[in-house]
């Protein structure tokens, strides 16, 4: 019996070491700290979560949908510092404007649902703000949870930062910038606001994992509107409460809207889409962005 117990103990320890090694190897292969601002020095915990079956199970595969822009939205290419082009869906303001809303995709990629949401915000801002939805997966769009998990978990942090900076660069040094994003994009919305420095005037994040480093949060130049679901098992209320505490410690303002809903409740392609909660959240987000940008 003692031999069996020792064998089981050794096997368990080996498995833990193997799992830890795999995570560390994946993280090391996925970043280059010399090329990042510190915000993207390693894969975010939310990225690492994407490779797990538990996180993938929170996302029901999107229904087929084709979006046709009525506001003249089109895909464009942005110059990026690493020499690669970055893709984006752009809807130009009706009149020349130095105001921009950067839109960040869900974990599926820059699909037609995200383009539709980008146009909804464009209309809510009366066509007076340039809306730029960044393609964070360089053309990859997932329709299966396994693929979305792969694209999100394997996205290189330095490339994510480069794409965001390409969007900020496209807006220009005099631009006033606000951001909005969902899930993976919610996380990126906040990180973009941190990268924007004094150009940041607003940040909306839907159920994304927040930055929790107080020292990094101190560099924010804007307040944050956070929209979350109390039934979200990926970004639970405890994570949101920690974010509120850390924002307070950093001397920054955050407004939290918590809905009795699941993760991705505002995604119309999700069978668990909560129309009422989504409409209320959009109303709050639109009002917030109008105050910041108009």
C-alpha atoms as a PDB file:
ATOM      1  CA  UNK A   1       0.000   0.000   0.000  1.00  0.00           C
ATOM      2  CA  UNK A   2       2.846   2.395   0.859  1.00  0.00           C
ATOM      3  CA  UNK A   3       4.431   1.743  -2.533  1.00  0.00           C
ATOM      4  CA  UNK A   4       1.133   2.430  -4.297  1.00  0.00           C
ATOM      5  CA  UNK A   5       0.656   5.655  -2.340  1.00  0.00           C
ATOM      6  CA  UNK A   6       4.184   6.856  -3.150  1.00  0.00           C
ATOM      7  CA  UNK A   7       3.739   5.999  -6.814  1.00  0.00           C
ATOM      8  CA  UNK A   8       0.492   7.973  -6.986  1.00  0.00           C
ATOM      9  CA  UNK A   9       2.121  10.900  -5.195  1.00  0.00           C
ATOM     10  CA  UNK A  10       5.019  10.946  -7.646  1.00  0.00           C
ATOM     11  CA  UNK A  11       2.709  10.730 -10.623  1.00  0.00           C
ATOM     12  CA  UNK A  12       0.641  13.633  -9.320  1.00  0.00           C
ATOM     13  CA  UNK A  13       3.719  15.753  -8.729  1.00  0.00           C
ATOM     14  CA  UNK A  14       5.041  14.937 -12.196  1.00  0.00           C
ATOM     15  CA  UNK A  15       1.730  15.920 -13.761  1.00  0.00           C
ATOM     16  CA  UNK A  16       1.734  19.252 -11.915  1.00  0.00           C
ATOM     17  CA  UNK A  17       5.295  19.970 -12.977  1.00  0.00           C
ATOM     18  CA  UNK A  18       4.463  19.046 -16.561  1.00  0.00           C
ATOM     19  CA  UNK A  19       1.390  21.314 -16.600  1.00  0.00           C
ATOM     20  CA  UNK A  20       3.363  24.186 -15.085  1.00  0.00           C
ATOM     21  CA  UNK A  21       6.177  23.654 -17.582  1.00  0.00           C
ATOM     22  CA  UNK A  22       3.733  23.659 -20.495  1.00  0.00           C
ATOM     23  CA  UNK A  23       2.180  26.951 -19.364  1.00  0.00           C
ATOM     24  CA  UNK A  24       5.586  28.538 -18.865  1.00  0.00           C
ATOM     25  CA  UNK A  25       6.824  27.285 -22.239  1.00  0.00           C
ATOM     26  CA  UNK A  26       3.693  28.584 -23.965  1.00  0.00           C
ATOM     27  CA  UNK A  27       4.062  31.963 -22.300  1.00  0.00           C
ATOM     28  CA  UNK A  28       7.755  32.193 -23.173  1.00  0.00           C
ATOM     29  CA  UNK A  29       7.139  31.278 -26.799  1.00  0.00           C
ATOM     30  CA  UNK A  30       4.389  33.853 -27.077  1.00  0.00           C
ATOM     31  CA  UNK A  31       6.182  37.046 -26.080  1.00  0.00           C
ATOM     32  CA  UNK A  32       9.288  39.166 -26.314  1.00  0.00           C
ATOM     33  CA  UNK A  33       9.545  41.543 -23.368  1.00  0.00           C
ATOM     34  CA  UNK A  34      11.972  43.826 -25.207  1.00  0.00           C
ATOM     35  CA  UNK A  35       9.270  44.793 -27.697  1.00  0.00           C
ATOM     36  CA  UNK A  36       6.440  45.555 -25.323  1.00  0.00           C
ATOM     37  CA  UNK A  37       5.333  48.469 -23.146  1.00  0.00           C
ATOM     38  CA  UNK A  38       4.935  46.260 -20.101  1.00  0.00           C
ATOM     39  CA  UNK A  39       1.204  45.881 -20.695  1.00  0.00           C
ATOM     40  CA  UNK A  40       1.890  43.079 -23.146  1.00  0.00           C
ATOM     41  CA  UNK A  41       5.055  41.594 -21.719  1.00  0.00           C
ATOM     42  CA  UNK A  42       3.452  38.141 -21.489  1.00  0.00           C
ATOM     43  CA  UNK A  43       0.164  36.495 -22.507  1.00  0.00           C
ATOM     44  CA  UNK A  44      -2.669  37.807 -20.365  1.00  0.00           C
ATOM     45  CA  UNK A  45      -4.389  35.339 -18.043  1.00  0.00           C
ATOM     46  CA  UNK A  46      -7.523  35.716 -20.148  1.00  0.00           C
ATOM     47  CA  UNK A  47      -5.544  34.569 -23.184  1.00  0.00           C
ATOM     48  CA  UNK A  48      -4.333  31.505 -21.329  1.00  0.00           C
ATOM     49  CA  UNK A  49      -7.897  30.758 -20.223  1.00  0.00           C
ATOM     50  CA  UNK A  50      -8.963  30.605 -23.875  1.00  0.00           C
ATOM     51  CA  UNK A  51      -7.230  27.284 -24.438  1.00  0.00           C
ATOM     52  CA  UNK A  52      -9.274  25.575 -21.707  1.00  0.00           C
ATOM     53  CA  UNK A  53     -12.456  23.635 -22.423  1.00  0.00           C
ATOM     54  CA  UNK A  54     -14.156  25.376 -19.495  1.00  0.00           C
ATOM     55  CA  UNK A  55     -13.691  28.831 -21.033  1.00  0.00           C
ATOM     56  CA  UNK A  56     -14.576  27.598 -24.503  1.00  0.00           C
ATOM     57  CA  UNK A  57     -17.811  26.159 -23.129  1.00  0.00           C
ATOM     58  CA  UNK A  58     -18.874  29.684 -22.121  1.00  0.00           C
ATOM     59  CA  UNK A  59     -19.066  30.637 -25.799  1.00  0.00           C
ATOM     60  CA  UNK A  60     -21.740  29.138 -28.026  1.00  0.00           C
ATOM     61  CA  UNK A  61     -20.733  29.087 -31.686  1.00  0.00           C
ATOM     62  CA  UNK A  62     -22.136  32.108 -33.562  1.00  0.00           C
ATOM     63  CA  UNK A  63     -24.978  31.775 -36.020  1.00  0.00           C
ATOM     64  CA  UNK A  64     -24.129  32.584 -39.667  1.00  0.00           C
ATOM     65  CA  UNK A  65     -24.551  36.287 -40.375  1.00  0.00           C
ATOM     66  CA  UNK A  66     -23.608  38.687 -43.152  1.00  0.00           C
ATOM     67  CA  UNK A  67     -23.422  42.405 -42.505  1.00  0.00           C
ATOM     68  CA  UNK A  68     -23.653  45.124 -45.129  1.00  0.00           C
ATOM     69  CA  UNK A  69     -22.639  48.553 -43.930  1.00  0.00           C
ATOM     70  CA  UNK A  70     -25.106  51.362 -44.596  1.00  0.00           C
ATOM     71  CA  UNK A  71     -22.659  53.980 -43.363  1.00  0.00           C
ATOM     72  CA  UNK A  72     -19.886  53.305 -45.871  1.00  0.00           C
ATOM     73  CA  UNK A  73     -17.757  51.129 -43.618  1.00  0.00           C
ATOM     74  CA  UNK A  74     -14.852  49.379 -45.327  1.00  0.00           C
ATOM     75  CA  UNK A  75     -11.792  47.292 -44.555  1.00  0.00           C
ATOM     76  CA  UNK A  76      -8.502  49.179 -44.693  1.00  0.00           C
ATOM     77  CA  UNK A  77      -4.832  48.445 -44.042  1.00  0.00           C
ATOM     78  CA  UNK A  78      -2.834  50.269 -41.381  1.00  0.00           C
ATOM     79  CA  UNK A  79       0.925  50.715 -41.197  1.00  0.00           C
ATOM     80  CA  UNK A  80       2.377  48.905 -38.189  1.00  0.00           C
ATOM     81  CA  UNK A  81       5.756  49.358 -36.523  1.00  0.00           C
ATOM     82  CA  UNK A  82       6.787  45.724 -37.045  1.00  0.00           C
ATOM     83  CA  UNK A  83       6.610  46.085 -40.829  1.00  0.00           C
ATOM     84  CA  UNK A  84       3.414  44.066 -41.165  1.00  0.00           C
ATOM     85  CA  UNK A  85       0.143  45.676 -42.162  1.00  0.00           C
ATOM     86  CA  UNK A  86      -2.736  45.660 -39.686  1.00  0.00           C
ATOM     87  CA  UNK A  87      -6.336  45.299 -40.825  1.00  0.00           C
ATOM     88  CA  UNK A  88      -9.272  47.379 -39.611  1.00  0.00           C
ATOM     89  CA  UNK A  89     -12.906  48.153 -40.399  1.00  0.00           C
ATOM     90  CA  UNK A  90     -13.290  51.921 -40.748  1.00  0.00           C
ATOM     91  CA  UNK A  91     -16.428  54.055 -40.764  1.00  0.00           C
ATOM     92  CA  UNK A  92     -15.435  57.671 -41.373  1.00  0.00           C
ATOM     93  CA  UNK A  93     -17.194  60.535 -39.682  1.00  0.00           C
ATOM     94  CA  UNK A  94     -19.550  62.454 -41.972  1.00  0.00           C
ATOM     95  CA  UNK A  95     -17.390  65.540 -41.553  1.00  0.00           C
ATOM     96  CA  UNK A  96     -13.664  65.693 -40.864  1.00  0.00           C
ATOM     97  CA  UNK A  97     -13.059  64.840 -37.230  1.00  0.00           C
ATOM     98  CA  UNK A  98     -10.150  64.143 -34.896  1.00  0.00           C
ATOM     99  CA  UNK A  99     -12.394  62.048 -32.644  1.00  0.00           C
ATOM    100  CA  UNK A 100     -12.079  58.259 -32.776  1.00  0.00           C
ATOM    101  CA  UNK A 101     -13.756  55.248 -31.249  1.00  0.00           C
ATOM    102  CA  UNK A 102     -11.537  52.169 -31.353  1.00  0.00           C
ATOM    103  CA  UNK A 103     -13.583  48.947 -31.337  1.00  0.00           C
ATOM    104  CA  UNK A 104     -12.186  45.636 -30.127  1.00  0.00           C
ATOM    105  CA  UNK A 105     -13.538  42.277 -31.267  1.00  0.00           C
ATOM    106  CA  UNK A 106     -14.794  39.355 -29.215  1.00  0.00           C
ATOM    107  CA  UNK A 107     -12.627  36.241 -29.153  1.00  0.00           C
ATOM    108  CA  UNK A 108     -14.154  35.073 -32.456  1.00  0.00           C
ATOM    109  CA  UNK A 109     -12.294  37.716 -34.426  1.00  0.00           C
ATOM    110  CA  UNK A 110     -13.345  40.724 -36.488  1.00  0.00           C
ATOM    111  CA  UNK A 111     -16.516  39.115 -37.824  1.00  0.00           C
ATOM    112  CA  UNK A 112     -19.684  40.705 -39.210  1.00  0.00           C
ATOM    113  CA  UNK A 113     -21.284  40.858 -35.765  1.00  0.00           C
ATOM    114  CA  UNK A 114     -18.484  43.134 -34.551  1.00  0.00           C
ATOM    115  CA  UNK A 115     -18.787  45.282 -37.677  1.00  0.00           C
ATOM    116  CA  UNK A 116     -22.517  45.585 -37.002  1.00  0.00           C
ATOM    117  CA  UNK A 117     -21.860  46.690 -33.410  1.00  0.00           C
ATOM    118  CA  UNK A 118     -19.277  49.188 -34.661  1.00  0.00           C
ATOM    119  CA  UNK A 119     -21.896  50.733 -36.929  1.00  0.00           C
ATOM    120  CA  UNK A 120     -24.437  50.818 -34.085  1.00  0.00           C
ATOM    121  CA  UNK A 121     -22.018  52.932 -32.076  1.00  0.00           C
ATOM    122  CA  UNK A 122     -21.270  55.075 -35.134  1.00  0.00           C
ATOM    123  CA  UNK A 123     -24.975  55.842 -35.449  1.00  0.00           C
ATOM    124  CA  UNK A 124     -25.326  56.421 -31.701  1.00  0.00           C
ATOM    125  CA  UNK A 125     -22.555  59.026 -32.018  1.00  0.00           C
ATOM    126  CA  UNK A 126     -24.520  60.732 -34.820  1.00  0.00           C
ATOM    127  CA  UNK A 127     -21.878  59.977 -37.437  1.00  0.00           C
ATOM    128  CA  UNK A 128     -19.607  62.614 -35.886  1.00  0.00           C
ATOM    129  CA  UNK A 129     -16.899  60.207 -34.748  1.00  0.00           C
ATOM    130  CA  UNK A 130     -14.570  57.997 -36.792  1.00  0.00           C
ATOM    131  CA  UNK A 131     -15.095  54.374 -35.778  1.00  0.00           C
ATOM    132  CA  UNK A 132     -12.176  51.994 -36.246  1.00  0.00           C
ATOM    133  CA  UNK A 133     -12.611  48.285 -35.456  1.00  0.00           C
ATOM    134  CA  UNK A 134      -9.176  46.665 -35.277  1.00  0.00           C
ATOM    135  CA  UNK A 135      -8.473  43.165 -36.573  1.00  0.00           C
ATOM    136  CA  UNK A 136      -6.498  41.606 -33.738  1.00  0.00           C
ATOM    137  CA  UNK A 137      -6.148  38.193 -35.432  1.00  0.00           C
ATOM    138  CA  UNK A 138      -4.667  39.371 -38.743  1.00  0.00           C
ATOM    139  CA  UNK A 139      -7.531  38.096 -40.871  1.00  0.00           C
ATOM    140  CA  UNK A 140      -8.428  34.975 -38.900  1.00  0.00           C
ATOM    141  CA  UNK A 141     -12.094  34.651 -37.967  1.00  0.00           C
ATOM    142  CA  UNK A 142     -13.346  31.666 -35.973  1.00  0.00           C
ATOM    143  CA  UNK A 143     -16.724  29.960 -36.165  1.00  0.00           C
ATOM    144  CA  UNK A 144     -15.747  27.108 -33.822  1.00  0.00           C
ATOM    145  CA  UNK A 145     -14.832  27.496 -30.159  1.00  0.00           C
ATOM    146  CA  UNK A 146     -11.677  25.414 -30.608  1.00  0.00           C
ATOM    147  CA  UNK A 147     -10.418  27.781 -33.316  1.00  0.00           C
ATOM    148  CA  UNK A 148     -11.314  30.882 -31.325  1.00  0.00           C
ATOM    149  CA  UNK A 149      -9.446  29.463 -28.349  1.00  0.00           C
ATOM    150  CA  UNK A 150      -6.418  28.824 -30.526  1.00  0.00           C
ATOM    151  CA  UNK A 151      -6.397  32.288 -32.106  1.00  0.00           C
ATOM    152  CA  UNK A 152      -6.829  34.035 -28.773  1.00  0.00           C
ATOM    153  CA  UNK A 153      -4.396  31.968 -26.708  1.00  0.00           C
ATOM    154  CA  UNK A 154      -1.710  31.979 -29.397  1.00  0.00           C
ATOM    155  CA  UNK A 155      -1.927  35.673 -30.294  1.00  0.00           C
ATOM    156  CA  UNK A 156       1.511  37.134 -29.651  1.00  0.00           C
ATOM    157  CA  UNK A 157       1.383  39.916 -27.058  1.00  0.00           C
ATOM    158  CA  UNK A 158       3.851  42.113 -28.937  1.00  0.00           C
ATOM    159  CA  UNK A 159       1.732  41.818 -32.100  1.00  0.00           C
ATOM    160  CA  UNK A 160      -1.432  42.734 -30.201  1.00  0.00           C
ATOM    161  CA  UNK A 161       0.310  45.844 -28.882  1.00  0.00           C
ATOM    162  CA  UNK A 162       1.619  46.709 -32.343  1.00  0.00           C
ATOM    163  CA  UNK A 163      -1.873  46.498 -33.858  1.00  0.00           C
ATOM    164  CA  UNK A 164      -3.330  48.733 -31.147  1.00  0.00           C
ATOM    165  CA  UNK A 165      -0.544  51.254 -31.636  1.00  0.00           C
ATOM    166  CA  UNK A 166      -1.194  51.157 -35.391  1.00  0.00           C
ATOM    167  CA  UNK A 167      -4.795  52.164 -34.661  1.00  0.00           C
ATOM    168  CA  UNK A 168      -3.678  54.946 -32.334  1.00  0.00           C
ATOM    169  CA  UNK A 169      -1.166  56.077 -34.943  1.00  0.00           C
ATOM    170  CA  UNK A 170      -3.846  56.124 -37.644  1.00  0.00           C
ATOM    171  CA  UNK A 171      -6.001  58.368 -35.465  1.00  0.00           C
ATOM    172  CA  UNK A 172      -3.057  60.736 -35.141  1.00  0.00           C
ATOM    173  CA  UNK A 173      -1.341  62.577 -32.270  1.00  0.00           C
ATOM    174  CA  UNK A 174      -4.099  65.190 -31.934  1.00  0.00           C
ATOM    175  CA  UNK A 175      -6.964  62.720 -31.829  1.00  0.00           C
ATOM    176  CA  UNK A 176      -9.258  62.218 -28.869  1.00  0.00           C
ATOM    177  CA  UNK A 177      -9.758  58.473 -28.483  1.00  0.00           C
ATOM    178  CA  UNK A 178     -12.338  56.336 -26.711  1.00  0.00           C
ATOM    179  CA  UNK A 179     -12.528  52.548 -26.802  1.00  0.00           C
ATOM    180  CA  UNK A 180     -15.095  49.764 -26.523  1.00  0.00           C
ATOM    181  CA  UNK A 181     -14.719  45.990 -26.660  1.00  0.00           C
ATOM    182  CA  UNK A 182     -16.271  42.687 -25.622  1.00  0.00           C
ATOM    183  CA  UNK A 183     -14.739  39.608 -23.952  1.00  0.00           C
ATOM    184  CA  UNK A 184     -11.121  39.481 -25.210  1.00  0.00           C
ATOM    185  CA  UNK A 185     -11.849  42.901 -26.670  1.00  0.00           C
ATOM    186  CA  UNK A 186     -13.010  44.170 -23.292  1.00  0.00           C
ATOM    187  CA  UNK A 187      -9.576  43.407 -21.924  1.00  0.00           C
ATOM    188  CA  UNK A 188      -7.968  45.070 -24.961  1.00  0.00           C
ATOM    189  CA  UNK A 189     -10.196  48.140 -24.644  1.00  0.00           C
ATOM    190  CA  UNK A 190      -8.685  48.886 -21.242  1.00  0.00           C
ATOM    191  CA  UNK A 191      -5.136  48.132 -22.358  1.00  0.00           C
ATOM    192  CA  UNK A 192      -5.604  50.399 -25.369  1.00  0.00           C
ATOM    193  CA  UNK A 193      -6.734  53.217 -23.061  1.00  0.00           C
ATOM    194  CA  UNK A 194      -3.521  52.731 -21.096  1.00  0.00           C
ATOM    195  CA  UNK A 195      -1.444  52.874 -24.292  1.00  0.00           C
ATOM    196  CA  UNK A 196      -3.220  56.023 -25.512  1.00  0.00           C
ATOM    197  CA  UNK A 197      -1.863  58.162 -22.691  1.00  0.00           C
ATOM    198  CA  UNK A 198      -3.329  61.670 -22.583  1.00  0.00           C
ATOM    199  CA  UNK A 199      -5.270  61.031 -25.799  1.00  0.00           C
ATOM    200  CA  UNK A 200      -7.622  58.666 -23.966  1.00  0.00           C
ATOM    201  CA  UNK A 201     -10.983  60.245 -23.147  1.00  0.00           C
ATOM    202  CA  UNK A 202     -13.156  57.171 -22.500  1.00  0.00           C
ATOM    203  CA  UNK A 203     -13.102  53.403 -22.092  1.00  0.00           C
ATOM    204  CA  UNK A 204     -15.961  50.884 -22.178  1.00  0.00           C
ATOM    205  CA  UNK A 205     -15.199  47.249 -21.437  1.00  0.00           C
ATOM    206  CA  UNK A 206     -17.737  44.468 -21.697  1.00  0.00           C
ATOM    207  CA  UNK A 207     -16.931  41.359 -19.583  1.00  0.00           C
ATOM    208  CA  UNK A 208     -13.208  41.417 -20.263  1.00  0.00           C
ATOM    209  CA  UNK A 209     -10.551  40.557 -17.706  1.00  0.00           C
ATOM    210  CA  UNK A 210      -9.387  43.899 -16.273  1.00  0.00           C
ATOM    211  CA  UNK A 211      -5.815  44.950 -15.734  1.00  0.00           C
ATOM    212  CA  UNK A 212      -5.246  44.511 -11.991  1.00  0.00           C
ATOM    213  CA  UNK A 213      -1.795  46.092 -11.590  1.00  0.00           C
ATOM    214  CA  UNK A 214      -2.365  49.246  -9.535  1.00  0.00           C
ATOM    215  CA  UNK A 215       0.839  50.888 -10.760  1.00  0.00           C
ATOM    216  CA  UNK A 216      -0.219  50.427 -14.382  1.00  0.00           C
ATOM    217  CA  UNK A 217      -3.743  51.647 -13.651  1.00  0.00           C
ATOM    218  CA  UNK A 218      -2.278  54.846 -12.195  1.00  0.00           C
ATOM    219  CA  UNK A 219      -1.224  55.850 -15.710  1.00  0.00           C
ATOM    220  CA  UNK A 220      -4.831  55.914 -16.984  1.00  0.00           C
ATOM    221  CA  UNK A 221      -5.979  59.314 -18.239  1.00  0.00           C
ATOM    222  CA  UNK A 222      -9.655  58.389 -18.338  1.00  0.00           C
ATOM    223  CA  UNK A 223     -12.340  56.812 -16.223  1.00  0.00           C
ATOM    224  CA  UNK A 224     -13.773  53.410 -17.171  1.00  0.00           C
ATOM    225  CA  UNK A 225     -17.265  52.024 -17.701  1.00  0.00           C
ATOM    226  CA  UNK A 226     -17.256  48.288 -16.971  1.00  0.00           C
ATOM    227  CA  UNK A 227     -20.175  46.081 -18.049  1.00  0.00           C
ATOM    228  CA  UNK A 228     -20.330  42.573 -16.591  1.00  0.00           C
ATOM    229  CA  UNK A 229     -22.639  39.624 -15.933  1.00  0.00           C
ATOM    230  CA  UNK A 230     -23.189  38.258 -12.427  1.00  0.00           C
ATOM    231  CA  UNK A 231     -23.456  34.719 -13.858  1.00  0.00           C
ATOM    232  CA  UNK A 232     -20.181  34.998 -15.776  1.00  0.00           C
ATOM    233  CA  UNK A 233     -17.943  32.084 -14.788  1.00  0.00           C
ATOM    234  CA  UNK A 234     -14.983  33.372 -16.796  1.00  0.00           C
ATOM    235  CA  UNK A 235     -14.926  36.890 -15.345  1.00  0.00           C
ATOM    236  CA  UNK A 236     -16.797  36.396 -12.046  1.00  0.00           C
ATOM    237  CA  UNK A 237     -18.056  39.196  -9.777  1.00  0.00           C
ATOM    238  CA  UNK A 238     -15.068  38.634  -7.459  1.00  0.00           C
ATOM    239  CA  UNK A 239     -12.725  39.677 -10.288  1.00  0.00           C
ATOM    240  CA  UNK A 240     -14.812  42.781 -10.902  1.00  0.00           C
ATOM    241  CA  UNK A 241     -14.758  43.664  -7.195  1.00  0.00           C
ATOM    242  CA  UNK A 242     -10.969  43.346  -7.162  1.00  0.00           C
ATOM    243  CA  UNK A 243     -10.805  45.672 -10.172  1.00  0.00           C
ATOM    244  CA  UNK A 244     -12.929  48.262  -8.349  1.00  0.00           C
ATOM    245  CA  UNK A 245     -10.581  48.122  -5.365  1.00  0.00           C
ATOM    246  CA  UNK A 246      -7.498  48.432  -7.547  1.00  0.00           C
ATOM    247  CA  UNK A 247      -8.939  51.372  -9.483  1.00  0.00           C
ATOM    248  CA  UNK A 248      -9.688  53.101  -6.179  1.00  0.00           C
ATOM    249  CA  UNK A 249      -6.145  52.409  -4.985  1.00  0.00           C
ATOM    250  CA  UNK A 250      -4.855  53.919  -8.240  1.00  0.00           C
ATOM    251  CA  UNK A 251      -6.989  57.029  -7.712  1.00  0.00           C
ATOM    252  CA  UNK A 252      -9.100  56.327 -10.812  1.00  0.00           C
ATOM    253  CA  UNK A 253     -12.849  56.276 -11.351  1.00  0.00           C
ATOM    254  CA  UNK A 254     -14.698  53.186 -12.563  1.00  0.00           C
ATOM    255  CA  UNK A 255     -18.436  52.739 -12.994  1.00  0.00           C
ATOM    256  CA  UNK A 256     -19.660  49.133 -12.940  1.00  0.00           C
ATOM    257  CA  UNK A 257     -22.914  47.958 -14.492  1.00  0.00           C
ATOM    258  CA  UNK A 258     -23.602  44.406 -13.340  1.00  0.00           C
ATOM    259  CA  UNK A 259     -26.384  42.467 -15.043  1.00  0.00           C
ATOM    260  CA  UNK A 260     -28.014  39.198 -14.027  1.00  0.00           C
ATOM    261  CA  UNK A 261     -26.617  37.551 -17.125  1.00  0.00           C
ATOM    262  CA  UNK A 262     -23.992  35.142 -18.462  1.00  0.00           C
ATOM    263  CA  UNK A 263     -20.715  35.796 -20.248  1.00  0.00           C
ATOM    264  CA  UNK A 264     -21.194  37.291 -23.739  1.00  0.00           C
ATOM    265  CA  UNK A 265     -24.792  38.247 -22.936  1.00  0.00           C
ATOM    266  CA  UNK A 266     -24.580  41.235 -25.311  1.00  0.00           C
ATOM    267  CA  UNK A 267     -23.551  39.168 -28.338  1.00  0.00           C
ATOM    268  CA  UNK A 268     -26.605  38.786 -30.639  1.00  0.00           C
ATOM    269  CA  UNK A 269     -25.122  35.582 -32.079  1.00  0.00           C
ATOM    270  CA  UNK A 270     -25.190  33.949 -28.639  1.00  0.00           C
ATOM    271  CA  UNK A 271     -28.289  31.778 -28.005  1.00  0.00           C
ATOM    272  CA  UNK A 272     -28.086  33.083 -24.408  1.00  0.00           C
ATOM    273  CA  UNK A 273     -28.185  36.656 -25.697  1.00  0.00           C
ATOM    274  CA  UNK A 274     -30.039  38.830 -23.192  1.00  0.00           C
ATOM    275  CA  UNK A 275     -31.871  41.409 -25.272  1.00  0.00           C
ATOM    276  CA  UNK A 276     -33.067  43.523 -22.350  1.00  0.00           C
ATOM    277  CA  UNK A 277     -29.705  43.613 -20.570  1.00  0.00           C
ATOM    278  CA  UNK A 278     -27.913  44.226 -23.853  1.00  0.00           C
ATOM    279  CA  UNK A 279     -30.169  47.154 -24.745  1.00  0.00           C
ATOM    280  CA  UNK A 280     -29.710  48.721 -21.318  1.00  0.00           C
ATOM    281  CA  UNK A 281     -25.936  48.251 -21.454  1.00  0.00           C
ATOM    282  CA  UNK A 282     -25.785  49.786 -24.938  1.00  0.00           C
ATOM    283  CA  UNK A 283     -27.830  52.774 -23.747  1.00  0.00           C
ATOM    284  CA  UNK A 284     -25.405  53.361 -20.853  1.00  0.00           C
ATOM    285  CA  UNK A 285     -22.341  52.883 -23.057  1.00  0.00           C
ATOM    286  CA  UNK A 286     -23.693  55.182 -25.775  1.00  0.00           C
ATOM    287  CA  UNK A 287     -24.536  57.915 -23.297  1.00  0.00           C
ATOM    288  CA  UNK A 288     -21.080  57.598 -21.749  1.00  0.00           C
ATOM    289  CA  UNK A 289     -19.333  57.812 -25.144  1.00  0.00           C
ATOM    290  CA  UNK A 290     -21.434  60.752 -26.299  1.00  0.00           C
ATOM    291  CA  UNK A 291     -20.363  62.684 -23.196  1.00  0.00           C
ATOM    292  CA  UNK A 292     -16.734  61.833 -23.923  1.00  0.00           C
ATOM    293  CA  UNK A 293     -16.634  62.411 -27.669  1.00  0.00           C
ATOM    294  CA  UNK A 294     -19.376  64.844 -28.697  1.00  0.00           C
END
